[in-house]
Amino acid sequence: MKFPLTETLIAEAKRFELRSACQHCFFWIERQGKCAHDWPDEGQRRWPLDAPDPVTGERPTEVAFCKEFELA
């Protein structure tokens, strides 16, 4: 699910220590660098939410949350 990346969301993610990246998920297989369910990465690996794109260096304008995310 995608949402606009607003200053409010960034502040709340920091305030409440929100975890949503693949690396925080129970289904993330670290040694294989992939999701156990083979879900594609649509920006969920990025952490923190406002981290710049590793290729372009641009700040993202939206954030994606996986429906199957389970906090590890």
PDB file of N, CA and C in Angstrom:
ATOM      1  N   MET A   1       0.844  -1.154   0.000  1.00  0.00           N
ATOM      2  CA  MET A   1       0.000   0.000   0.000  1.00  0.00           C
ATOM      3  C   MET A   1       0.894   1.223   0.000  1.00  0.00           C
ATOM      4  N   LYS A   2       0.602   2.166  -0.846  1.00  0.00           N
ATOM      5  CA  LYS A   2       1.427   3.367  -0.953  1.00  0.00           C
ATOM      6  C   LYS A   2       0.705   4.572  -0.368  1.00  0.00           C
ATOM      7  N   PHE A   3       1.509   5.413   0.280  1.00  0.00           N
ATOM      8  CA  PHE A   3       1.008   6.635   0.902  1.00  0.00           C
ATOM      9  C   PHE A   3       1.963   7.775   0.588  1.00  0.00           C
ATOM     10  N   PRO A   4       1.467   9.017   0.571  1.00  0.00           N
ATOM     11  CA  PRO A   4       2.369  10.158   0.410  1.00  0.00           C
ATOM     12  C   PRO A   4       3.327  10.224   1.600  1.00  0.00           C
ATOM     13  N   LEU A   5       4.562  10.533   1.337  1.00  0.00           N
ATOM     14  CA  LEU A   5       5.553  10.678   2.409  1.00  0.00           C
ATOM     15  C   LEU A   5       5.546  12.131   2.858  1.00  0.00           C
ATOM     16  N   THR A   6       4.839  12.381   3.943  1.00  0.00           N
ATOM     17  CA  THR A   6       4.680  13.737   4.466  1.00  0.00           C
ATOM     18  C   THR A   6       5.610  13.954   5.656  1.00  0.00           C
ATOM     19  N   GLU A   7       5.799  15.199   6.004  1.00  0.00           N
ATOM     20  CA  GLU A   7       6.608  15.530   7.179  1.00  0.00           C
ATOM     21  C   GLU A   7       5.977  14.952   8.450  1.00  0.00           C
ATOM     22  N   THR A   8       4.648  14.937   8.488  1.00  0.00           N
ATOM     23  CA  THR A   8       3.947  14.370   9.645  1.00  0.00           C
ATOM     24  C   THR A   8       4.246  12.879   9.782  1.00  0.00           C
ATOM     25  N   LEU A   9       4.189  12.141   8.676  1.00  0.00           N
ATOM     26  CA  LEU A   9       4.479  10.712   8.718  1.00  0.00           C
ATOM     27  C   LEU A   9       5.921  10.459   9.149  1.00  0.00           C
ATOM     28  N   ILE A  10       6.848  11.230   8.626  1.00  0.00           N
ATOM     29  CA  ILE A  10       8.259  11.088   9.012  1.00  0.00           C
ATOM     30  C   ILE A  10       8.431  11.337  10.503  1.00  0.00           C
ATOM     31  N   ALA A  11       7.821  12.410  11.016  1.00  0.00           N
ATOM     32  CA  ALA A  11       7.923  12.747  12.442  1.00  0.00           C
ATOM     33  C   ALA A  11       7.298  11.667  13.317  1.00  0.00           C
ATOM     34  N   GLU A  12       6.142  11.154  12.913  1.00  0.00           N
ATOM     35  CA  GLU A  12       5.489  10.109  13.703  1.00  0.00           C
ATOM     36  C   GLU A  12       6.256   8.793  13.659  1.00  0.00           C
ATOM     37  N   ALA A  13       6.845   8.483  12.519  1.00  0.00           N
ATOM     38  CA  ALA A  13       7.660   7.271  12.410  1.00  0.00           C
ATOM     39  C   ALA A  13       8.838   7.339  13.380  1.00  0.00           C
ATOM     40  N   LYS A  14       9.441   8.507  13.495  1.00  0.00           N
ATOM     41  CA  LYS A  14      10.545   8.681  14.445  1.00  0.00           C
ATOM     42  C   LYS A  14      10.038   8.651  15.889  1.00  0.00           C
ATOM     43  N   ARG A  15       8.955   9.369  16.145  1.00  0.00           N
ATOM     44  CA  ARG A  15       8.408   9.476  17.505  1.00  0.00           C
ATOM     45  C   ARG A  15       7.975   8.120  18.063  1.00  0.00           C
ATOM     46  N   PHE A  16       7.290   7.327  17.237  1.00  0.00           N
ATOM     47  CA  PHE A  16       6.762   6.040  17.699  1.00  0.00           C
ATOM     48  C   PHE A  16       7.660   4.854  17.338  1.00  0.00           C
ATOM     49  N   GLU A  17       8.847   5.161  16.788  1.00  0.00           N
ATOM     50  CA  GLU A  17       9.814   4.134  16.391  1.00  0.00           C
ATOM     51  C   GLU A  17       9.180   3.105  15.450  1.00  0.00           C
ATOM     52  N   LEU A  18       8.409   3.602  14.482  1.00  0.00           N
ATOM     53  CA  LEU A  18       7.758   2.758  13.491  1.00  0.00           C
ATOM     54  C   LEU A  18       8.789   1.931  12.736  1.00  0.00           C
ATOM     55  N   ARG A  19       8.511   0.667  12.552  1.00  0.00           N
ATOM     56  CA  ARG A  19       9.355  -0.220  11.764  1.00  0.00           C
ATOM     57  C   ARG A  19       8.508  -0.785  10.645  1.00  0.00           C
ATOM     58  N   SER A  20       8.989  -0.677   9.416  1.00  0.00           N
ATOM     59  CA  SER A  20       8.203  -1.141   8.279  1.00  0.00           C
ATOM     60  C   SER A  20       9.048  -1.659   7.132  1.00  0.00           C
ATOM     61  N   ALA A  21      10.352  -1.602   7.267  1.00  0.00           N
ATOM     62  CA  ALA A  21      11.232  -2.027   6.176  1.00  0.00           C
ATOM     63  C   ALA A  21      11.354  -3.547   6.142  1.00  0.00           C
ATOM     64  N   CYS A  22      11.711  -4.073   4.993  1.00  0.00           N
ATOM     65  CA  CYS A  22      11.892  -5.518   4.836  1.00  0.00           C
ATOM     66  C   CYS A  22      12.793  -6.081   5.932  1.00  0.00           C
ATOM     67  N   GLN A  23      13.851  -5.374   6.267  1.00  0.00           N
ATOM     68  CA  GLN A  23      14.804  -5.866   7.266  1.00  0.00           C
ATOM     69  C   GLN A  23      14.185  -6.045   8.642  1.00  0.00           C
ATOM     70  N   HIS A  24      13.050  -5.406   8.900  1.00  0.00           N
ATOM     71  CA  HIS A  24      12.371  -5.516  10.187  1.00  0.00           C
ATOM     72  C   HIS A  24      11.316  -6.617  10.194  1.00  0.00           C
ATOM     73  N   CYS A  25      11.083  -7.239   9.063  1.00  0.00           N
ATOM     74  CA  CYS A  25       9.986  -8.189   8.905  1.00  0.00           C
ATOM     75  C   CYS A  25      10.410  -9.623   9.203  1.00  0.00           C
ATOM     76  N   PHE A  26       9.508 -10.354   9.832  1.00  0.00           N
ATOM     77  CA  PHE A  26       9.711 -11.759  10.147  1.00  0.00           C
ATOM     78  C   PHE A  26       9.977 -12.589   8.881  1.00  0.00           C
ATOM     79  N   PHE A  27       9.372 -12.207   7.767  1.00  0.00           N
ATOM     80  CA  PHE A  27       9.476 -12.978   6.529  1.00  0.00           C
ATOM     81  C   PHE A  27      10.715 -12.646   5.692  1.00  0.00           C
ATOM     82  N   TRP A  28      11.546 -11.723   6.152  1.00  0.00           N
ATOM     83  CA  TRP A  28      12.748 -11.326   5.413  1.00  0.00           C
ATOM     84  C   TRP A  28      13.847 -12.358   5.643  1.00  0.00           C
ATOM     85  N   ILE A  29      14.401 -12.895   4.552  1.00  0.00           N
ATOM     86  CA  ILE A  29      15.489 -13.866   4.625  1.00  0.00           C
ATOM     87  C   ILE A  29      16.785 -13.106   4.349  1.00  0.00           C
ATOM     88  N   GLU A  30      17.469 -12.741   5.393  1.00  0.00           N
ATOM     89  CA  GLU A  30      18.666 -11.893   5.288  1.00  0.00           C
ATOM     90  C   GLU A  30      19.726 -12.506   4.382  1.00  0.00           C
ATOM     91  N   ARG A  31      20.049 -13.775   4.584  1.00  0.00           N
ATOM     92  CA  ARG A  31      21.143 -14.402   3.814  1.00  0.00           C
ATOM     93  C   ARG A  31      20.854 -14.470   2.313  1.00  0.00           C
ATOM     94  N   GLN A  32      19.560 -14.448   1.939  1.00  0.00           N
ATOM     95  CA  GLN A  32      19.185 -14.478   0.526  1.00  0.00           C
ATOM     96  C   GLN A  32      18.808 -13.092  -0.003  1.00  0.00           C
ATOM     97  N   GLY A  33      18.634 -12.156   0.932  1.00  0.00           N
ATOM     98  CA  GLY A  33      18.272 -10.790   0.532  1.00  0.00           C
ATOM     99  C   GLY A  33      16.929 -10.720  -0.160  1.00  0.00           C
ATOM    100  N   LYS A  34      15.952 -11.526   0.356  1.00  0.00           N
ATOM    101  CA  LYS A  34      14.639 -11.517  -0.282  1.00  0.00           C
ATOM    102  C   LYS A  34      13.554 -11.890   0.721  1.00  0.00           C
ATOM    103  N   CYS A  35      12.329 -11.674   0.287  1.00  0.00           N
ATOM    104  CA  CYS A  35      11.149 -12.007   1.079  1.00  0.00           C
ATOM    105  C   CYS A  35      10.843 -13.496   0.941  1.00  0.00           C
ATOM    106  N   ALA A  36      10.474 -14.124   2.041  1.00  0.00           N
ATOM    107  CA  ALA A  36      10.121 -15.545   2.014  1.00  0.00           C
ATOM    108  C   ALA A  36       8.907 -15.800   1.125  1.00  0.00           C
ATOM    109  N   HIS A  37       8.098 -14.780   0.909  1.00  0.00           N
ATOM    110  CA  HIS A  37       6.904 -14.916   0.070  1.00  0.00           C
ATOM    111  C   HIS A  37       7.149 -14.441  -1.357  1.00  0.00           C
ATOM    112  N   ASP A  38       8.400 -14.087  -1.647  1.00  0.00           N
ATOM    113  CA  ASP A  38       8.799 -13.590  -2.980  1.00  0.00           C
ATOM    114  C   ASP A  38       8.094 -12.302  -3.396  1.00  0.00           C
ATOM    115  N   TRP A  39       7.691 -11.495  -2.398  1.00  0.00           N
ATOM    116  CA  TRP A  39       7.109 -10.199  -2.730  1.00  0.00           C
ATOM    117  C   TRP A  39       8.202  -9.284  -3.273  1.00  0.00           C
ATOM    118  N   PRO A  40       7.893  -8.478  -4.276  1.00  0.00           N
ATOM    119  CA  PRO A  40       8.887  -7.542  -4.810  1.00  0.00           C
ATOM    120  C   PRO A  40       9.116  -6.386  -3.845  1.00  0.00           C
ATOM    121  N   ASP A  41      10.303  -5.812  -3.937  1.00  0.00           N
ATOM    122  CA  ASP A  41      10.620  -4.630  -3.141  1.00  0.00           C
ATOM    123  C   ASP A  41      10.094  -3.418  -3.895  1.00  0.00           C
ATOM    124  N   GLU A  42       9.123  -2.752  -3.334  1.00  0.00           N
ATOM    125  CA  GLU A  42       8.584  -1.533  -3.943  1.00  0.00           C
ATOM    126  C   GLU A  42       8.881  -0.347  -3.048  1.00  0.00           C
ATOM    127  N   GLY A  43      10.116  -0.292  -2.562  1.00  0.00           N
ATOM    128  CA  GLY A  43      10.521   0.795  -1.686  1.00  0.00           C
ATOM    129  C   GLY A  43      10.510   0.418  -0.223  1.00  0.00           C
ATOM    130  N   GLN A  44      10.088  -0.803   0.103  1.00  0.00           N
ATOM    131  CA  GLN A  44      10.012  -1.189   1.507  1.00  0.00           C
ATOM    132  C   GLN A  44      11.375  -1.435   2.134  1.00  0.00           C
ATOM    133  N   ARG A  45      12.394  -1.655   1.339  1.00  0.00           N
ATOM    134  CA  ARG A  45      13.729  -1.885   1.924  1.00  0.00           C
ATOM    135  C   ARG A  45      14.343  -0.600   2.460  1.00  0.00           C
ATOM    136  N   ARG A  46      13.859   0.517   1.982  1.00  0.00           N
ATOM    137  CA  ARG A  46      14.424   1.810   2.374  1.00  0.00           C
ATOM    138  C   ARG A  46      14.154   2.075   3.854  1.00  0.00           C
ATOM    139  N   TRP A  47      15.194   2.431   4.574  1.00  0.00           N
ATOM    140  CA  TRP A  47      15.028   2.804   5.980  1.00  0.00           C
ATOM    141  C   TRP A  47      16.104   3.776   6.368  1.00  0.00           C
ATOM    142  N   PRO A  48      15.798   4.885   6.996  1.00  0.00           N
ATOM    143  CA  PRO A  48      14.475   5.340   7.403  1.00  0.00           C
ATOM    144  C   PRO A  48      13.596   5.679   6.198  1.00  0.00           C
ATOM    145  N   LEU A  49      12.339   5.975   6.469  1.00  0.00           N
ATOM    146  CA  LEU A  49      11.369   6.203   5.398  1.00  0.00           C
ATOM    147  C   LEU A  49      11.801   7.291   4.420  1.00  0.00           C
ATOM    148  N   ASP A  50      12.490   8.306   4.920  1.00  0.00           N
ATOM    149  CA  ASP A  50      12.881   9.432   4.065  1.00  0.00           C
ATOM    150  C   ASP A  50      14.307   9.314   3.535  1.00  0.00           C
ATOM    151  N   ALA A  51      14.888   8.111   3.614  1.00  0.00           N
ATOM    152  CA  ALA A  51      16.253   7.917   3.083  1.00  0.00           C
ATOM    153  C   ALA A  51      16.254   8.177   1.577  1.00  0.00           C
ATOM    154  N   PRO A  52      17.305   8.820   1.077  1.00  0.00           N
ATOM    155  CA  PRO A  52      17.361   9.095  -0.362  1.00  0.00           C
ATOM    156  C   PRO A  52      17.479   7.810  -1.177  1.00  0.00           C
ATOM    157  N   ASP A  53      16.996   7.876  -2.399  1.00  0.00           N
ATOM    158  CA  ASP A  53      17.108   6.757  -3.324  1.00  0.00           C
ATOM    159  C   ASP A  53      18.592   6.452  -3.541  1.00  0.00           C
ATOM    160  N   PRO A  54      19.025   5.191  -3.378  1.00  0.00           N
ATOM    161  CA  PRO A  54      20.447   4.872  -3.500  1.00  0.00           C
ATOM    162  C   PRO A  54      21.004   5.086  -4.900  1.00  0.00           C
ATOM    163  N   VAL A  55      20.157   5.091  -5.908  1.00  0.00           N
ATOM    164  CA  VAL A  55      20.617   5.274  -7.282  1.00  0.00           C
ATOM    165  C   VAL A  55      20.630   6.740  -7.682  1.00  0.00           C
ATOM    166  N   THR A  56      19.504   7.433  -7.446  1.00  0.00           N
ATOM    167  CA  THR A  56      19.378   8.819  -7.902  1.00  0.00           C
ATOM    168  C   THR A  56      19.753   9.848  -6.845  1.00  0.00           C
ATOM    169  N   GLY A  57      19.699   9.441  -5.560  1.00  0.00           N
ATOM    170  CA  GLY A  57      19.975  10.382  -4.479  1.00  0.00           C
ATOM    171  C   GLY A  57      18.798  11.278  -4.149  1.00  0.00           C
ATOM    172  N   GLU A  58      17.675  11.081  -4.845  1.00  0.00           N
ATOM    173  CA  GLU A  58      16.495  11.906  -4.617  1.00  0.00           C
ATOM    174  C   GLU A  58      15.730  11.442  -3.381  1.00  0.00           C
ATOM    175  N   ARG A  59      15.112  12.396  -2.709  1.00  0.00           N
ATOM    176  CA  ARG A  59      14.270  12.073  -1.555  1.00  0.00           C
ATOM    177  C   ARG A  59      12.931  11.553  -2.069  1.00  0.00           C
ATOM    178  N   PRO A  60      12.435  10.439  -1.519  1.00  0.00           N
ATOM    179  CA  PRO A  60      11.172   9.881  -1.993  1.00  0.00           C
ATOM    180  C   PRO A  60       9.986  10.774  -1.660  1.00  0.00           C
ATOM    181  N   THR A  61       8.928  10.646  -2.460  1.00  0.00           N
ATOM    182  CA  THR A  61       7.709  11.418  -2.242  1.00  0.00           C
ATOM    183  C   THR A  61       6.576  10.541  -1.727  1.00  0.00           C
ATOM    184  N   GLU A  62       6.796   9.222  -1.751  1.00  0.00           N
ATOM    185  CA  GLU A  62       5.792   8.307  -1.221  1.00  0.00           C
ATOM    186  C   GLU A  62       6.485   7.159  -0.501  1.00  0.00           C
ATOM    187  N   VAL A  63       5.710   6.450   0.293  1.00  0.00           N
ATOM    188  CA  VAL A  63       6.231   5.320   1.050  1.00  0.00           C
ATOM    189  C   VAL A  63       5.300   4.136   0.813  1.00  0.00           C
ATOM    190  N   ALA A  64       5.888   2.940   0.746  1.00  0.00           N
ATOM    191  CA  ALA A  64       5.103   1.727   0.536  1.00  0.00           C
ATOM    192  C   ALA A  64       5.157   0.863   1.794  1.00  0.00           C
ATOM    193  N   PHE A  65       4.010   0.324   2.154  1.00  0.00           N
ATOM    194  CA  PHE A  65       3.923  -0.591   3.283  1.00  0.00           C
ATOM    195  C   PHE A  65       3.398  -1.927   2.775  1.00  0.00           C
ATOM    196  N   CYS A  66       4.048  -2.996   3.175  1.00  0.00           N
ATOM    197  CA  CYS A  66       3.660  -4.340   2.754  1.00  0.00           C
ATOM    198  C   CYS A  66       2.494  -4.829   3.613  1.00  0.00           C
ATOM    199  N   LYS A  67       1.501  -5.410   2.983  1.00  0.00           N
ATOM    200  CA  LYS A  67       0.337  -5.927   3.712  1.00  0.00           C
ATOM    201  C   LYS A  67       0.680  -7.144   4.557  1.00  0.00           C
ATOM    202  N   GLU A  68       1.778  -7.833   4.230  1.00  0.00           N
ATOM    203  CA  GLU A  68       2.132  -9.050   4.965  1.00  0.00           C
ATOM    204  C   GLU A  68       3.211  -8.822   6.000  1.00  0.00           C
ATOM    205  N   PHE A  69       3.558  -7.567   6.256  1.00  0.00           N
ATOM    206  CA  PHE A  69       4.611  -7.249   7.209  1.00  0.00           C
ATOM    207  C   PHE A  69       4.286  -7.784   8.600  1.00  0.00           C
ATOM    208  N   GLU A  70       5.241  -8.495   9.177  1.00  0.00           N
ATOM    209  CA  GLU A  70       5.135  -8.988  10.560  1.00  0.00           C
ATOM    210  C   GLU A  70       6.407  -8.580  11.263  1.00  0.00           C
ATOM    211  N   LEU A  71       6.293  -7.831  12.320  1.00  0.00           N
ATOM    212  CA  LEU A  71       7.462  -7.372  13.054  1.00  0.00           C
ATOM    213  C   LEU A  71       8.218  -8.561  13.625  1.00  0.00           C
ATOM    214  N   ALA A  72       9.485  -8.621  13.307  1.00  0.00           N
ATOM    215  CA  ALA A  72      10.314  -9.742  13.785  1.00  0.00           C
ATOM    216  C   ALA A  72      10.714  -9.553  15.232  1.00  0.00           C
TER     217      ALA A  72
END
